[in-house]
Amino acid sequence: NNMASYKEYKCEGCGYTVNANPKGKDIVMMGEVYNYLCPDCKEIVEVLYPYGEKPEKIVCPECGSEKLEKWNPKTGKCPKCGVDMKATGVCLCVD
């Protein structure tokens, strides 16, 4: 059983926090999970690709936007204010 490790990231500017895999993607029991930035609702969201499936359209689970951009916490900026995100040291494990 593979446990996915997520870290909490916090914006140094506005305090926005998100839990994400440091690589921007992960493999869980249901399939592969990717992090995206939604420029419309200004959230970091996860999109699940079930094993063996590649969705034709990727839409934001929060607002339905199709303008999602791949995001990872090492290079990605805060979706609210554009400042760098830093790991807080809090770790979560999910399967």
PDB file of N, CA and C in Angstrom:
ATOM      1  N   ASN A   1       0.852  -1.201   0.000  1.00  0.00           N
ATOM      2  CA  ASN A   1       0.000   0.000   0.000  1.00  0.00           C
ATOM      3  C   ASN A   1       0.885   1.248   0.000  1.00  0.00           C
ATOM      4  N   ASN A   2       0.701   2.064  -0.988  1.00  0.00           N
ATOM      5  CA  ASN A   2       1.476   3.281  -1.137  1.00  0.00           C
ATOM      6  C   ASN A   2       0.781   4.444  -0.438  1.00  0.00           C
ATOM      7  N   MET A   3       1.461   5.061   0.478  1.00  0.00           N
ATOM      8  CA  MET A   3       0.897   6.246   1.121  1.00  0.00           C
ATOM      9  C   MET A   3       1.462   7.474   0.412  1.00  0.00           C
ATOM     10  N   ALA A   4       0.596   8.393   0.116  1.00  0.00           N
ATOM     11  CA  ALA A   4       1.026   9.637  -0.505  1.00  0.00           C
ATOM     12  C   ALA A   4       1.386  10.622   0.601  1.00  0.00           C
ATOM     13  N   SER A   5       2.476  11.341   0.432  1.00  0.00           N
ATOM     14  CA  SER A   5       2.879  12.322   1.434  1.00  0.00           C
ATOM     15  C   SER A   5       2.605  13.728   0.924  1.00  0.00           C
ATOM     16  N   TYR A   6       1.801  14.425   1.671  1.00  0.00           N
ATOM     17  CA  TYR A   6       1.482  15.803   1.331  1.00  0.00           C
ATOM     18  C   TYR A   6       2.112  16.702   2.378  1.00  0.00           C
ATOM     19  N   LYS A   7       2.507  17.878   1.956  1.00  0.00           N
ATOM     20  CA  LYS A   7       3.021  18.875   2.883  1.00  0.00           C
ATOM     21  C   LYS A   7       2.101  20.094   2.816  1.00  0.00           C
ATOM     22  N   GLU A   8       2.077  20.812   3.916  1.00  0.00           N
ATOM     23  CA  GLU A   8       1.312  22.057   3.917  1.00  0.00           C
ATOM     24  C   GLU A   8       2.228  23.176   3.431  1.00  0.00           C
ATOM     25  N   TYR A   9       1.704  23.992   2.536  1.00  0.00           N
ATOM     26  CA  TYR A   9       2.430  25.156   2.020  1.00  0.00           C
ATOM     27  C   TYR A   9       1.638  26.403   2.348  1.00  0.00           C
ATOM     28  N   LYS A  10       2.365  27.442   2.744  1.00  0.00           N
ATOM     29  CA  LYS A  10       1.717  28.692   3.132  1.00  0.00           C
ATOM     30  C   LYS A  10       2.331  29.853   2.367  1.00  0.00           C
ATOM     31  N   CYS A  11       1.475  30.758   1.911  1.00  0.00           N
ATOM     32  CA  CYS A  11       1.941  31.953   1.212  1.00  0.00           C
ATOM     33  C   CYS A  11       2.580  32.915   2.208  1.00  0.00           C
ATOM     34  N   GLU A  12       3.753  33.413   1.843  1.00  0.00           N
ATOM     35  CA  GLU A  12       4.445  34.359   2.713  1.00  0.00           C
ATOM     36  C   GLU A  12       3.817  35.750   2.656  1.00  0.00           C
ATOM     37  N   GLY A  13       2.966  35.973   1.653  1.00  0.00           N
ATOM     38  CA  GLY A  13       2.329  37.280   1.526  1.00  0.00           C
ATOM     39  C   GLY A  13       0.993  37.370   2.240  1.00  0.00           C
ATOM     40  N   CYS A  14       0.030  36.528   1.820  1.00  0.00           N
ATOM     41  CA  CYS A  14      -1.341  36.663   2.337  1.00  0.00           C
ATOM     42  C   CYS A  14      -1.755  35.577   3.318  1.00  0.00           C
ATOM     43  N   GLY A  15      -0.908  34.513   3.477  1.00  0.00           N
ATOM     44  CA  GLY A  15      -1.237  33.472   4.429  1.00  0.00           C
ATOM     45  C   GLY A  15      -2.079  32.325   3.885  1.00  0.00           C
ATOM     46  N   TYR A  16      -2.391  32.335   2.581  1.00  0.00           N
ATOM     47  CA  TYR A  16      -3.147  31.235   1.964  1.00  0.00           C
ATOM     48  C   TYR A  16      -2.392  29.931   2.176  1.00  0.00           C
ATOM     49  N   THR A  17      -3.097  28.850   2.531  1.00  0.00           N
ATOM     50  CA  THR A  17      -2.435  27.558   2.706  1.00  0.00           C
ATOM     51  C   THR A  17      -3.066  26.513   1.801  1.00  0.00           C
ATOM     52  N   VAL A  18      -2.240  25.542   1.408  1.00  0.00           N
ATOM     53  CA  VAL A  18      -2.697  24.421   0.589  1.00  0.00           C
ATOM     54  C   VAL A  18      -1.876  23.192   0.968  1.00  0.00           C
ATOM     55  N   ASN A  19      -2.513  22.023   0.932  1.00  0.00           N
ATOM     56  CA  ASN A  19      -1.806  20.769   1.139  1.00  0.00           C
ATOM     57  C   ASN A  19      -1.530  20.176  -0.232  1.00  0.00           C
ATOM     58  N   ALA A  20      -0.266  19.879  -0.515  1.00  0.00           N
ATOM     59  CA  ALA A  20       0.095  19.399  -1.845  1.00  0.00           C
ATOM     60  C   ALA A  20       1.318  18.497  -1.772  1.00  0.00           C
ATOM     61  N   ASN A  21       1.444  17.645  -2.781  1.00  0.00           N
ATOM     62  CA  ASN A  21       2.653  16.854  -2.915  1.00  0.00           C
ATOM     63  C   ASN A  21       3.750  17.775  -3.436  1.00  0.00           C
ATOM     64  N   PRO A  22       4.965  17.693  -2.903  1.00  0.00           N
ATOM     65  CA  PRO A  22       6.044  18.571  -3.356  1.00  0.00           C
ATOM     66  C   PRO A  22       6.331  18.497  -4.848  1.00  0.00           C
ATOM     67  N   LYS A  23       6.004  17.362  -5.498  1.00  0.00           N
ATOM     68  CA  LYS A  23       6.257  17.215  -6.932  1.00  0.00           C
ATOM     69  C   LYS A  23       5.110  17.758  -7.789  1.00  0.00           C
ATOM     70  N   GLY A  24       3.989  18.113  -7.150  1.00  0.00           N
ATOM     71  CA  GLY A  24       2.853  18.610  -7.930  1.00  0.00           C
ATOM     72  C   GLY A  24       1.943  17.509  -8.441  1.00  0.00           C
ATOM     73  N   LYS A  25       2.294  16.244  -8.143  1.00  0.00           N
ATOM     74  CA  LYS A  25       1.453  15.115  -8.541  1.00  0.00           C
ATOM     75  C   LYS A  25       1.710  13.977  -7.581  1.00  0.00           C
ATOM     76  N   ASP A  26       0.804  13.018  -7.560  1.00  0.00           N
ATOM     77  CA  ASP A  26       0.966  11.885  -6.672  1.00  0.00           C
ATOM     78  C   ASP A  26       0.199  10.699  -7.223  1.00  0.00           C
ATOM     79  N   ILE A  27       0.506   9.527  -6.698  1.00  0.00           N
ATOM     80  CA  ILE A  27      -0.225   8.320  -7.069  1.00  0.00           C
ATOM     81  C   ILE A  27      -0.941   7.836  -5.818  1.00  0.00           C
ATOM     82  N   VAL A  28      -2.258   7.702  -5.914  1.00  0.00           N
ATOM     83  CA  VAL A  28      -3.064   7.217  -4.802  1.00  0.00           C
ATOM     84  C   VAL A  28      -3.788   5.948  -5.252  1.00  0.00           C
ATOM     85  N   MET A  29      -4.544   5.345  -4.371  1.00  0.00           N
ATOM     86  CA  MET A  29      -5.203   4.086  -4.712  1.00  0.00           C
ATOM     87  C   MET A  29      -6.138   4.217  -5.914  1.00  0.00           C
ATOM     88  N   MET A  30      -6.744   5.379  -6.075  1.00  0.00           N
ATOM     89  CA  MET A  30      -7.718   5.587  -7.151  1.00  0.00           C
ATOM     90  C   MET A  30      -7.083   5.946  -8.494  1.00  0.00           C
ATOM     91  N   GLY A  31      -5.834   6.381  -8.499  1.00  0.00           N
ATOM     92  CA  GLY A  31      -5.190   6.790  -9.748  1.00  0.00           C
ATOM     93  C   GLY A  31      -4.103   7.816  -9.483  1.00  0.00           C
ATOM     94  N   GLU A  32      -3.910   8.708 -10.458  1.00  0.00           N
ATOM     95  CA  GLU A  32      -2.910   9.759 -10.319  1.00  0.00           C
ATOM     96  C   GLU A  32      -3.613  11.079 -10.027  1.00  0.00           C
ATOM     97  N   VAL A  33      -3.022  11.846  -9.116  1.00  0.00           N
ATOM     98  CA  VAL A  33      -3.581  13.136  -8.722  1.00  0.00           C
ATOM     99  C   VAL A  33      -2.592  14.221  -9.132  1.00  0.00           C
ATOM    100  N   TYR A  34      -3.104  15.256  -9.779  1.00  0.00           N
ATOM    101  CA  TYR A  34      -2.263  16.384 -10.201  1.00  0.00           C
ATOM    102  C   TYR A  34      -2.777  17.670  -9.566  1.00  0.00           C
ATOM    103  N   ASN A  35      -1.847  18.558  -9.226  1.00  0.00           N
ATOM    104  CA  ASN A  35      -2.211  19.871  -8.703  1.00  0.00           C
ATOM    105  C   ASN A  35      -2.302  20.860  -9.856  1.00  0.00           C
ATOM    106  N   TYR A  36      -3.322  21.681  -9.807  1.00  0.00           N
ATOM    107  CA  TYR A  36      -3.504  22.737 -10.800  1.00  0.00           C
ATOM    108  C   TYR A  36      -3.827  24.039 -10.099  1.00  0.00           C
ATOM    109  N   LEU A  37      -3.439  25.124 -10.730  1.00  0.00           N
ATOM    110  CA  LEU A  37      -3.856  26.451 -10.304  1.00  0.00           C
ATOM    111  C   LEU A  37      -5.015  26.848 -11.191  1.00  0.00           C
ATOM    112  N   CYS A  38      -6.106  27.296 -10.574  1.00  0.00           N
ATOM    113  CA  CYS A  38      -7.239  27.808 -11.354  1.00  0.00           C
ATOM    114  C   CYS A  38      -7.210  29.325 -11.302  1.00  0.00           C
ATOM    115  N   PRO A  39      -6.961  29.976 -12.446  1.00  0.00           N
ATOM    116  CA  PRO A  39      -6.891  31.435 -12.446  1.00  0.00           C
ATOM    117  C   PRO A  39      -8.258  32.096 -12.255  1.00  0.00           C
ATOM    118  N   ASP A  40      -9.336  31.347 -12.464  1.00  0.00           N
ATOM    119  CA  ASP A  40     -10.670  31.929 -12.316  1.00  0.00           C
ATOM    120  C   ASP A  40     -11.116  32.025 -10.856  1.00  0.00           C
ATOM    121  N   CYS A  41     -11.011  30.916 -10.102  1.00  0.00           N
ATOM    122  CA  CYS A  41     -11.430  30.986  -8.691  1.00  0.00           C
ATOM    123  C   CYS A  41     -10.238  31.189  -7.752  1.00  0.00           C
ATOM    124  N   LYS A  42      -9.023  31.259  -8.336  1.00  0.00           N
ATOM    125  CA  LYS A  42      -7.796  31.519  -7.572  1.00  0.00           C
ATOM    126  C   LYS A  42      -7.600  30.515  -6.441  1.00  0.00           C
ATOM    127  N   GLU A  43      -7.695  29.233  -6.795  1.00  0.00           N
ATOM    128  CA  GLU A  43      -7.470  28.155  -5.838  1.00  0.00           C
ATOM    129  C   GLU A  43      -6.476  27.167  -6.436  1.00  0.00           C
ATOM    130  N   ILE A  44      -5.786  26.437  -5.564  1.00  0.00           N
ATOM    131  CA  ILE A  44      -4.997  25.287  -5.985  1.00  0.00           C
ATOM    132  C   ILE A  44      -5.924  24.089  -5.819  1.00  0.00           C
ATOM    133  N   VAL A  45      -6.128  23.338  -6.881  1.00  0.00           N
ATOM    134  CA  VAL A  45      -7.068  22.221  -6.845  1.00  0.00           C
ATOM    135  C   VAL A  45      -6.365  20.934  -7.258  1.00  0.00           C
ATOM    136  N   GLU A  46      -6.943  19.811  -6.858  1.00  0.00           N
ATOM    137  CA  GLU A  46      -6.440  18.502  -7.263  1.00  0.00           C
ATOM    138  C   GLU A  46      -7.393  17.909  -8.276  1.00  0.00           C
ATOM    139  N   VAL A  47      -6.828  17.310  -9.316  1.00  0.00           N
ATOM    140  CA  VAL A  47      -7.628  16.613 -10.319  1.00  0.00           C
ATOM    141  C   VAL A  47      -7.149  15.170 -10.356  1.00  0.00           C
ATOM    142  N   LEU A  48      -8.078  14.240 -10.207  1.00  0.00           N
ATOM    143  CA  LEU A  48      -7.764  12.816 -10.206  1.00  0.00           C
ATOM    144  C   LEU A  48      -7.911  12.248 -11.608  1.00  0.00           C
ATOM    145  N   TYR A  49      -6.878  11.550 -12.061  1.00  0.00           N
ATOM    146  CA  TYR A  49      -6.938  10.794 -13.306  1.00  0.00           C
ATOM    147  C   TYR A  49      -7.062   9.322 -12.895  1.00  0.00           C
ATOM    148  N   PRO A  50      -8.241   8.698 -13.009  1.00  0.00           N
ATOM    149  CA  PRO A  50      -8.326   7.271 -12.676  1.00  0.00           C
ATOM    150  C   PRO A  50      -7.363   6.472 -13.553  1.00  0.00           C
ATOM    151  N   TYR A  51      -6.832   5.356 -13.014  1.00  0.00           N
ATOM    152  CA  TYR A  51      -5.858   4.550 -13.758  1.00  0.00           C
ATOM    153  C   TYR A  51      -6.367   4.222 -15.155  1.00  0.00           C
ATOM    154  N   GLY A  52      -5.493   4.415 -16.148  1.00  0.00           N
ATOM    155  CA  GLY A  52      -5.827   4.075 -17.522  1.00  0.00           C
ATOM    156  C   GLY A  52      -6.679   5.096 -18.240  1.00  0.00           C
ATOM    157  N   GLU A  53      -7.039   6.187 -17.583  1.00  0.00           N
ATOM    158  CA  GLU A  53      -7.894   7.202 -18.218  1.00  0.00           C
ATOM    159  C   GLU A  53      -7.153   8.523 -18.318  1.00  0.00           C
ATOM    160  N   LYS A  54      -7.323   9.171 -19.443  1.00  0.00           N
ATOM    161  CA  LYS A  54      -6.844  10.541 -19.598  1.00  0.00           C
ATOM    162  C   LYS A  54      -8.066  11.370 -19.985  1.00  0.00           C
ATOM    163  N   PRO A  55      -8.472  12.267 -19.114  1.00  0.00           N
ATOM    164  CA  PRO A  55      -9.668  13.045 -19.422  1.00  0.00           C
ATOM    165  C   PRO A  55      -9.484  13.911 -20.669  1.00  0.00           C
ATOM    166  N   GLU A  56     -10.545  14.038 -21.453  1.00  0.00           N
ATOM    167  CA  GLU A  56     -10.481  14.902 -22.647  1.00  0.00           C
ATOM    168  C   GLU A  56     -10.372  16.349 -22.232  1.00  0.00           C
ATOM    169  N   LYS A  57     -11.155  16.725 -21.223  1.00  0.00           N
ATOM    170  CA  LYS A  57     -11.126  18.094 -20.717  1.00  0.00           C
ATOM    171  C   LYS A  57     -10.835  18.043 -19.231  1.00  0.00           C
ATOM    172  N   ILE A  58      -9.971  18.930 -18.784  1.00  0.00           N
ATOM    173  CA  ILE A  58      -9.690  19.045 -17.365  1.00  0.00           C
ATOM    174  C   ILE A  58     -10.402  20.298 -16.877  1.00  0.00           C
ATOM    175  N   VAL A  59     -11.269  20.114 -15.900  1.00  0.00           N
ATOM    176  CA  VAL A  59     -12.016  21.261 -15.385  1.00  0.00           C
ATOM    177  C   VAL A  59     -11.786  21.410 -13.889  1.00  0.00           C
ATOM    178  N   CYS A  60     -11.864  22.642 -13.424  1.00  0.00           N
ATOM    179  CA  CYS A  60     -11.697  22.942 -12.012  1.00  0.00           C
ATOM    180  C   CYS A  60     -12.868  22.342 -11.224  1.00  0.00           C
ATOM    181  N   PRO A  61     -12.556  21.538 -10.194  1.00  0.00           N
ATOM    182  CA  PRO A  61     -13.638  20.973  -9.389  1.00  0.00           C
ATOM    183  C   PRO A  61     -14.362  22.012  -8.537  1.00  0.00           C
ATOM    184  N   GLU A  62     -13.773  23.196  -8.385  1.00  0.00           N
ATOM    185  CA  GLU A  62     -14.391  24.255  -7.588  1.00  0.00           C
ATOM    186  C   GLU A  62     -15.356  25.107  -8.407  1.00  0.00           C
ATOM    187  N   CYS A  63     -14.922  25.531  -9.626  1.00  0.00           N
ATOM    188  CA  CYS A  63     -15.735  26.491 -10.380  1.00  0.00           C
ATOM    189  C   CYS A  63     -16.063  26.056 -11.812  1.00  0.00           C
ATOM    190  N   GLY A  64     -15.472  24.926 -12.263  1.00  0.00           N
ATOM    191  CA  GLY A  64     -15.774  24.448 -13.609  1.00  0.00           C
ATOM    192  C   GLY A  64     -14.936  25.058 -14.723  1.00  0.00           C
ATOM    193  N   SER A  65     -13.996  25.930 -14.379  1.00  0.00           N
ATOM    194  CA  SER A  65     -13.143  26.563 -15.387  1.00  0.00           C
ATOM    195  C   SER A  65     -12.298  25.523 -16.120  1.00  0.00           C
ATOM    196  N   GLU A  66     -12.018  25.792 -17.391  1.00  0.00           N
ATOM    197  CA  GLU A  66     -11.142  24.913 -18.173  1.00  0.00           C
ATOM    198  C   GLU A  66      -9.763  25.529 -18.384  1.00  0.00           C
ATOM    199  N   LYS A  67      -9.434  26.585 -17.664  1.00  0.00           N
ATOM    200  CA  LYS A  67      -8.163  27.298 -17.847  1.00  0.00           C
ATOM    201  C   LYS A  67      -7.080  26.852 -16.862  1.00  0.00           C
ATOM    202  N   LEU A  68      -7.169  25.631 -16.362  1.00  0.00           N
ATOM    203  CA  LEU A  68      -6.233  25.181 -15.332  1.00  0.00           C
ATOM    204  C   LEU A  68      -4.795  25.134 -15.832  1.00  0.00           C
ATOM    205  N   GLU A  69      -3.871  25.467 -14.925  1.00  0.00           N
ATOM    206  CA  GLU A  69      -2.441  25.435 -15.218  1.00  0.00           C
ATOM    207  C   GLU A  69      -1.786  24.492 -14.217  1.00  0.00           C
ATOM    208  N   LYS A  70      -0.911  23.575 -14.703  1.00  0.00           N
ATOM    209  CA  LYS A  70      -0.216  22.679 -13.773  1.00  0.00           C
ATOM    210  C   LYS A  70       0.527  23.520 -12.739  1.00  0.00           C
ATOM    211  N   TRP A  71       0.549  23.021 -11.507  1.00  0.00           N
ATOM    212  CA  TRP A  71       1.138  23.775 -10.402  1.00  0.00           C
ATOM    213  C   TRP A  71       1.889  22.834  -9.487  1.00  0.00           C
ATOM    214  N   ASN A  72       3.063  23.238  -9.053  1.00  0.00           N
ATOM    215  CA  ASN A  72       3.731  22.506  -7.977  1.00  0.00           C
ATOM    216  C   ASN A  72       4.285  23.528  -6.999  1.00  0.00           C
ATOM    217  N   PRO A  73       4.341  23.155  -5.722  1.00  0.00           N
ATOM    218  CA  PRO A  73       4.690  24.139  -4.692  1.00  0.00           C
ATOM    219  C   PRO A  73       6.124  24.639  -4.734  1.00  0.00           C
ATOM    220  N   LYS A  74       7.027  23.921  -5.415  1.00  0.00           N
ATOM    221  CA  LYS A  74       8.424  24.372  -5.458  1.00  0.00           C
ATOM    222  C   LYS A  74       8.585  25.586  -6.365  1.00  0.00           C
ATOM    223  N   THR A  75       7.829  25.624  -7.458  1.00  0.00           N
ATOM    224  CA  THR A  75       7.972  26.736  -8.394  1.00  0.00           C
ATOM    225  C   THR A  75       6.705  27.576  -8.493  1.00  0.00           C
ATOM    226  N   GLY A  76       5.584  27.038  -8.041  1.00  0.00           N
ATOM    227  CA  GLY A  76       4.304  27.737  -8.164  1.00  0.00           C
ATOM    228  C   GLY A  76       4.165  28.871  -7.176  1.00  0.00           C
ATOM    229  N   LYS A  77       3.411  29.844  -7.569  1.00  0.00           N
ATOM    230  CA  LYS A  77       3.157  31.013  -6.727  1.00  0.00           C
ATOM    231  C   LYS A  77       1.777  30.886  -6.080  1.00  0.00           C
ATOM    232  N   CYS A  78       1.535  31.722  -5.097  1.00  0.00           N
ATOM    233  CA  CYS A  78       0.236  31.776  -4.440  1.00  0.00           C
ATOM    234  C   CYS A  78      -0.836  32.170  -5.459  1.00  0.00           C
ATOM    235  N   PRO A  79      -1.966  31.431  -5.501  1.00  0.00           N
ATOM    236  CA  PRO A  79      -3.012  31.764  -6.465  1.00  0.00           C
ATOM    237  C   PRO A  79      -3.750  33.054  -6.108  1.00  0.00           C
ATOM    238  N   LYS A  80      -3.645  33.490  -4.869  1.00  0.00           N
ATOM    239  CA  LYS A  80      -4.365  34.685  -4.421  1.00  0.00           C
ATOM    240  C   LYS A  80      -3.584  35.963  -4.691  1.00  0.00           C
ATOM    241  N   CYS A  81      -2.266  35.931  -4.373  1.00  0.00           N
ATOM    242  CA  CYS A  81      -1.502  37.184  -4.463  1.00  0.00           C
ATOM    243  C   CYS A  81      -0.200  37.081  -5.247  1.00  0.00           C
ATOM    244  N   GLY A  82       0.199  35.855  -5.684  1.00  0.00           N
ATOM    245  CA  GLY A  82       1.382  35.718  -6.532  1.00  0.00           C
ATOM    246  C   GLY A  82       2.713  35.647  -5.821  1.00  0.00           C
ATOM    247  N   VAL A  83       2.699  35.557  -4.495  1.00  0.00           N
ATOM    248  CA  VAL A  83       3.940  35.482  -3.725  1.00  0.00           C
ATOM    249  C   VAL A  83       4.350  34.013  -3.594  1.00  0.00           C
ATOM    250  N   ASP A  84       5.646  33.762  -3.311  1.00  0.00           N
ATOM    251  CA  ASP A  84       6.137  32.389  -3.144  1.00  0.00           C
ATOM    252  C   ASP A  84       5.431  31.668  -2.000  1.00  0.00           C
ATOM    253  N   MET A  85       5.271  30.345  -2.180  1.00  0.00           N
ATOM    254  CA  MET A  85       4.712  29.479  -1.142  1.00  0.00           C
ATOM    255  C   MET A  85       5.872  28.767  -0.457  1.00  0.00           C
ATOM    256  N   LYS A  86       5.806  28.598   0.857  1.00  0.00           N
ATOM    257  CA  LYS A  86       6.853  27.916   1.614  1.00  0.00           C
ATOM    258  C   LYS A  86       6.236  26.778   2.423  1.00  0.00           C
ATOM    259  N   ALA A  87       6.971  25.647   2.526  1.00  0.00           N
ATOM    260  CA  ALA A  87       6.519  24.519   3.338  1.00  0.00           C
ATOM    261  C   ALA A  87       6.503  24.929   4.803  1.00  0.00           C
ATOM    262  N   THR A  88       5.433  24.539   5.513  1.00  0.00           N
ATOM    263  CA  THR A  88       5.315  24.885   6.936  1.00  0.00           C
ATOM    264  C   THR A  88       5.909  23.817   7.835  1.00  0.00           C
ATOM    265  N   GLY A  89       6.189  22.633   7.285  1.00  0.00           N
ATOM    266  CA  GLY A  89       6.700  21.534   8.095  1.00  0.00           C
ATOM    267  C   GLY A  89       5.622  20.552   8.511  1.00  0.00           C
ATOM    268  N   VAL A  90       4.349  20.911   8.284  1.00  0.00           N
ATOM    269  CA  VAL A  90       3.244  19.994   8.592  1.00  0.00           C
ATOM    270  C   VAL A  90       3.146  18.969   7.472  1.00  0.00           C
ATOM    271  N   CYS A  91       3.059  17.697   7.827  1.00  0.00           N
ATOM    272  CA  CYS A  91       2.992  16.615   6.847  1.00  0.00           C
ATOM    273  C   CYS A  91       1.706  15.826   7.009  1.00  0.00           C
ATOM    274  N   LEU A  92       1.114  15.385   5.928  1.00  0.00           N
ATOM    275  CA  LEU A  92      -0.082  14.556   5.948  1.00  0.00           C
ATOM    276  C   LEU A  92       0.173  13.321   5.107  1.00  0.00           C
ATOM    277  N   CYS A  93      -0.414  12.221   5.480  1.00  0.00           N
ATOM    278  CA  CYS A  93      -0.321  11.010   4.678  1.00  0.00           C
ATOM    279  C   CYS A  93      -1.715  10.598   4.266  1.00  0.00           C
ATOM    280  N   VAL A  94      -1.899  10.293   2.992  1.00  0.00           N
ATOM    281  CA  VAL A  94      -3.187   9.869   2.468  1.00  0.00           C
ATOM    282  C   VAL A  94      -2.993   8.636   1.619  1.00  0.00           C
ATOM    283  N   ASP A  95      -4.055   7.877   1.440  1.00  0.00           N
ATOM    284  CA  ASP A  95      -3.993   6.761   0.517  1.00  0.00           C
ATOM    285  C   ASP A  95      -5.221   6.845  -0.316  1.00  0.00           C
TER     286      ASP A  95
END
